[in-house]
């Protein structure tokens, strides 16, 4: 077995260290390392089922350019159930040119663990 999954912490534990390169079978090297770079790619999906629909998070993010120089953005997220939490955020971007802009962001979050303004 090459790996073990810790479902409680959401971790993949490898039985051996992952090599940074994979053999490319070339005789001449163009850099200090021989081979192609190797990556570990993991996908994770959680499906709550129909009896736990109250544990699904719902949210969205949108932005709109009011004109060529001002953009307004809003973000909201809500999760009800055992770990009810809410997030609300807004951002304002002021653009002078394509390479010069100023962005102001604010957010507030509420969860069972903390009541905080970010």
Protein backbone atom coordinates (compact mmCIF):
# COMPACT_ATOMS: atom_id res chain seq x y z
CA UNK A 1 0.00 0.00 0.00
CA UNK A 2 1.50 3.34 -1.09
CA UNK A 3 -0.65 5.64 1.03
CA UNK A 4 -3.06 5.85 3.94
CA UNK A 5 -5.95 8.31 4.30
CA UNK A 6 -6.67 10.01 7.62
CA UNK A 7 -10.35 10.84 7.11
CA UNK A 8 -10.69 12.70 10.40
CA UNK A 9 -7.94 15.23 9.57
CA UNK A 10 -8.35 15.12 5.78
CA UNK A 11 -4.75 14.02 5.14
CA UNK A 12 -3.08 11.65 2.69
CA UNK A 13 -0.10 9.95 4.33
CA UNK A 14 2.48 8.46 1.96
CA UNK A 15 4.36 5.32 2.98
CA UNK A 16 7.55 6.71 1.35
CA UNK A 17 8.67 10.26 0.47
CA UNK A 18 7.52 11.49 -2.94
CA UNK A 19 10.43 11.93 -5.33
CA UNK A 20 10.75 15.42 -6.82
CA UNK A 21 11.50 13.96 -10.28
CA UNK A 22 10.43 11.02 -12.43
CA UNK A 23 12.88 9.26 -14.74
CA UNK A 24 12.81 10.66 -18.29
CA UNK A 25 15.32 8.11 -19.73
CA UNK A 26 17.49 10.83 -21.32
CA UNK A 27 21.29 10.66 -21.45
CA UNK A 28 21.88 14.43 -21.49
CA UNK A 29 20.70 16.69 -18.67
CA UNK A 30 19.69 20.31 -19.15
CA UNK A 31 19.65 21.11 -15.42
CA UNK A 32 20.99 19.87 -12.09
CA UNK A 33 18.11 17.43 -11.67
CA UNK A 34 17.58 14.50 -14.01
CA UNK A 35 14.01 13.74 -15.05
CA UNK A 36 10.62 15.37 -15.20
CA UNK A 37 9.08 17.10 -12.19
CA UNK A 38 6.69 14.84 -10.27
CA UNK A 39 3.50 16.04 -8.56
CA UNK A 40 0.97 14.44 -6.26
CA UNK A 41 -2.57 15.44 -7.27
CA UNK A 42 -5.48 14.67 -4.94
CA UNK A 43 -9.19 15.34 -5.43
CA UNK A 44 -11.54 15.49 -2.50
CA UNK A 45 -15.31 15.54 -2.64
CA UNK A 46 -17.92 15.55 0.09
CA UNK A 47 -21.48 14.51 -0.69
CA UNK A 48 -23.78 15.01 2.31
CA UNK A 49 -26.77 13.01 1.05
CA UNK A 50 -30.40 14.04 1.16
CA UNK A 51 -30.83 13.59 4.90
CA UNK A 52 -28.09 16.19 5.65
CA UNK A 53 -29.01 19.01 3.26
CA UNK A 54 -28.83 21.51 6.13
CA UNK A 55 -25.03 20.98 6.23
CA UNK A 56 -24.46 22.23 2.68
CA UNK A 57 -22.81 25.65 2.37
CA UNK A 58 -24.41 28.15 0.02
CA UNK A 59 -22.64 31.25 -1.20
CA UNK A 60 -21.62 33.41 -4.07
CA UNK A 61 -19.35 36.18 -5.26
CA UNK A 62 -20.06 38.92 -7.80
CA UNK A 63 -18.44 42.10 -9.00
CA UNK A 64 -19.51 44.90 -11.32
CA UNK A 65 -17.58 47.71 -12.98
CA UNK A 66 -19.62 50.88 -12.38
CA UNK A 67 -17.45 52.67 -14.96
CA UNK A 68 -13.89 52.36 -16.30
CA UNK A 69 -12.40 53.32 -12.92
CA UNK A 70 -14.62 51.88 -10.14
CA UNK A 71 -15.47 48.23 -9.42
CA UNK A 72 -17.70 47.00 -6.58
CA UNK A 73 -17.61 43.38 -5.38
CA UNK A 74 -19.76 41.44 -2.90
CA UNK A 75 -19.30 38.00 -1.35
CA UNK A 76 -21.67 36.01 0.87
CA UNK A 77 -21.60 32.50 2.31
CA UNK A 78 -23.96 30.73 4.69
CA UNK A 79 -23.80 27.30 6.27
CA UNK A 80 -26.55 26.05 8.57
CA UNK A 81 -26.62 22.86 10.60
CA UNK A 82 -24.19 21.58 13.25
CA UNK A 83 -21.54 24.20 12.43
CA UNK A 84 -23.63 27.20 11.38
CA UNK A 85 -21.53 30.05 10.01
CA UNK A 86 -21.97 33.18 7.93
CA UNK A 87 -19.56 35.27 5.91
CA UNK A 88 -20.16 38.66 4.29
CA UNK A 89 -17.55 40.68 2.41
CA UNK A 90 -17.30 43.67 0.10
CA UNK A 91 -14.50 45.16 -1.95
CA UNK A 92 -14.00 48.38 -3.85
CA UNK A 93 -11.38 48.78 -6.57
CA UNK A 94 -10.34 52.21 -7.82
CA UNK A 95 -8.32 52.05 -11.05
CA UNK A 96 -6.23 54.93 -12.37
CA UNK A 97 -4.72 52.94 -15.27
CA UNK A 98 -4.15 49.32 -16.28
CA UNK A 99 -1.05 49.20 -14.04
CA UNK A 100 -2.20 51.46 -11.18
CA UNK A 101 -5.09 50.64 -8.85
CA UNK A 102 -6.16 50.69 -5.19
CA UNK A 103 -8.31 47.97 -3.61
CA UNK A 104 -10.18 48.20 -0.31
CA UNK A 105 -11.67 45.06 1.24
CA UNK A 106 -13.75 44.37 4.33
CA UNK A 107 -15.35 41.20 5.68
CA UNK A 108 -17.23 39.91 8.70
CA UNK A 109 -17.63 36.28 9.73
CA UNK A 110 -19.65 34.51 12.40
CA UNK A 111 -19.24 30.90 13.45
CA UNK A 112 -19.71 28.79 16.60
CA UNK A 113 -15.99 29.09 17.34
CA UNK A 114 -15.66 32.86 17.07
CA UNK A 115 -17.51 36.08 16.52
CA UNK A 116 -15.11 38.24 14.55
CA UNK A 117 -14.84 41.06 12.07
CA UNK A 118 -11.98 40.65 9.64
